[in-house]
Amino acid sequence: METVGAERVNRWRRGLLPAALVAIGLITVIFGDFTGDDRLRAGGVAIVGAAILMVVAGWVVAVSRRGRSV
């Protein structure tokens, strides 16, 4: 059994959550499109947008921790 560092696990989790949110958001948008519910479509778009913002914020934090300027 391999022991992994905390940074490797955190990096994996930081990548999984936005990917899961994008999948949930796309499913919501598609379901809203099938049912014709504009509120459901808007919610799905908001979820996908939040996932994109999470990725950008994570990238900015990672770059700033390494000491490089953005």
C-alpha atoms as a PDB file:
ATOM      1  CA  MET A   1       0.000   0.000   0.000  1.00  0.00           C
ATOM      2  CA  GLU A   2       1.424   3.339  -1.096  1.00  0.00           C
ATOM      3  CA  THR A   3       1.536   6.350   1.192  1.00  0.00           C
ATOM      4  CA  VAL A   4       0.788   9.638  -0.548  1.00  0.00           C
ATOM      5  CA  GLY A   5       1.434  13.184   0.571  1.00  0.00           C
ATOM      6  CA  ALA A   6      -1.318  15.574   1.599  1.00  0.00           C
ATOM      7  CA  GLU A   7      -0.555  17.921  -1.289  1.00  0.00           C
ATOM      8  CA  ARG A   8      -1.141  15.162  -3.846  1.00  0.00           C
ATOM      9  CA  VAL A   9      -4.502  14.275  -2.298  1.00  0.00           C
ATOM     10  CA  ASN A  10      -5.588  17.914  -2.076  1.00  0.00           C
ATOM     11  CA  ARG A  11      -4.646  18.508  -5.707  1.00  0.00           C
ATOM     12  CA  TRP A  12      -6.737  15.493  -6.728  1.00  0.00           C
ATOM     13  CA  ARG A  13      -9.716  16.756  -4.736  1.00  0.00           C
ATOM     14  CA  ARG A  14      -9.353  20.272  -6.141  1.00  0.00           C
ATOM     15  CA  GLY A  15      -9.630  18.800  -9.625  1.00  0.00           C
ATOM     16  CA  LEU A  16     -12.496  16.454  -8.861  1.00  0.00           C
ATOM     17  CA  LEU A  17     -14.931  18.962  -7.366  1.00  0.00           C
ATOM     18  CA  PRO A  18     -15.048  21.349 -10.356  1.00  0.00           C
ATOM     19  CA  ALA A  19     -15.323  18.393 -12.739  1.00  0.00           C
ATOM     20  CA  ALA A  20     -18.241  17.005 -10.745  1.00  0.00           C
ATOM     21  CA  LEU A  21     -19.908  20.430 -10.685  1.00  0.00           C
ATOM     22  CA  VAL A  22     -19.558  20.770 -14.456  1.00  0.00           C
ATOM     23  CA  ALA A  23     -21.147  17.344 -14.937  1.00  0.00           C
ATOM     24  CA  ILE A  24     -24.025  18.204 -12.594  1.00  0.00           C
ATOM     25  CA  GLY A  25     -24.496  21.587 -14.264  1.00  0.00           C
ATOM     26  CA  LEU A  26     -24.557  20.122 -17.768  1.00  0.00           C
ATOM     27  CA  ILE A  27     -27.060  17.461 -16.733  1.00  0.00           C
ATOM     28  CA  THR A  28     -29.223  20.196 -15.205  1.00  0.00           C
ATOM     29  CA  VAL A  29     -29.025  22.313 -18.369  1.00  0.00           C
ATOM     30  CA  ILE A  30     -29.936  19.358 -20.575  1.00  0.00           C
ATOM     31  CA  PHE A  31     -32.809  18.332 -18.299  1.00  0.00           C
ATOM     32  CA  GLY A  32     -34.044  21.937 -18.267  1.00  0.00           C
ATOM     33  CA  ASP A  33     -33.880  21.989 -22.049  1.00  0.00           C
ATOM     34  CA  PHE A  34     -35.957  18.814 -22.318  1.00  0.00           C
ATOM     35  CA  THR A  35     -38.587  20.064 -19.883  1.00  0.00           C
ATOM     36  CA  GLY A  36     -38.551  23.653 -21.141  1.00  0.00           C
ATOM     37  CA  ASP A  37     -37.899  25.038 -17.657  1.00  0.00           C
ATOM     38  CA  ASP A  38     -35.846  28.217 -17.972  1.00  0.00           C
ATOM     39  CA  ARG A  39     -35.128  28.349 -14.231  1.00  0.00           C
ATOM     40  CA  LEU A  40     -33.564  24.904 -14.369  1.00  0.00           C
ATOM     41  CA  ARG A  41     -31.417  25.890 -17.336  1.00  0.00           C
ATOM     42  CA  ALA A  42     -30.278  29.054 -15.554  1.00  0.00           C
ATOM     43  CA  GLY A  43     -29.387  27.029 -12.468  1.00  0.00           C
ATOM     44  CA  GLY A  44     -27.292  24.662 -14.555  1.00  0.00           C
ATOM     45  CA  VAL A  45     -25.465  27.552 -16.192  1.00  0.00           C
ATOM     46  CA  ALA A  46     -24.799  29.061 -12.755  1.00  0.00           C
ATOM     47  CA  ILE A  47     -23.362  25.752 -11.509  1.00  0.00           C
ATOM     48  CA  VAL A  48     -21.044  25.471 -14.516  1.00  0.00           C
ATOM     49  CA  GLY A  49     -20.006  29.110 -14.058  1.00  0.00           C
ATOM     50  CA  ALA A  50     -19.219  28.480 -10.392  1.00  0.00           C
ATOM     51  CA  ALA A  51     -17.059  25.504 -11.342  1.00  0.00           C
ATOM     52  CA  ILE A  52     -15.117  27.621 -13.829  1.00  0.00           C
ATOM     53  CA  LEU A  53     -14.568  30.310 -11.193  1.00  0.00           C
ATOM     54  CA  MET A  54     -13.368  27.660  -8.736  1.00  0.00           C
ATOM     55  CA  VAL A  55     -10.767  26.443 -11.225  1.00  0.00           C
ATOM     56  CA  VAL A  56      -9.547  29.979 -11.940  1.00  0.00           C
ATOM     57  CA  ALA A  57      -9.356  30.815  -8.222  1.00  0.00           C
ATOM     58  CA  GLY A  58      -7.475  27.583  -7.521  1.00  0.00           C
ATOM     59  CA  TRP A  59      -5.020  28.347 -10.284  1.00  0.00           C
ATOM     60  CA  VAL A  60      -4.411  31.869  -8.932  1.00  0.00           C
ATOM     61  CA  VAL A  61      -3.812  30.517  -5.422  1.00  0.00           C
ATOM     62  CA  ALA A  62      -1.455  27.823  -6.708  1.00  0.00           C
ATOM     63  CA  VAL A  63       0.537  30.326  -8.727  1.00  0.00           C
ATOM     64  CA  SER A  64       0.792  32.759  -5.823  1.00  0.00           C
ATOM     65  CA  ARG A  65       1.983  29.995  -3.488  1.00  0.00           C
ATOM     66  CA  ARG A  66       4.805  29.169  -5.877  1.00  0.00           C
ATOM     67  CA  GLY A  67       5.963  32.768  -5.688  1.00  0.00           C
ATOM     68  CA  ARG A  68       5.348  33.783  -9.272  1.00  0.00           C
ATOM     69  CA  SER A  69       3.394  36.875 -10.192  1.00  0.00           C
ATOM     70  CA  VAL A  70       0.149  36.408 -12.094  1.00  0.00           C
END
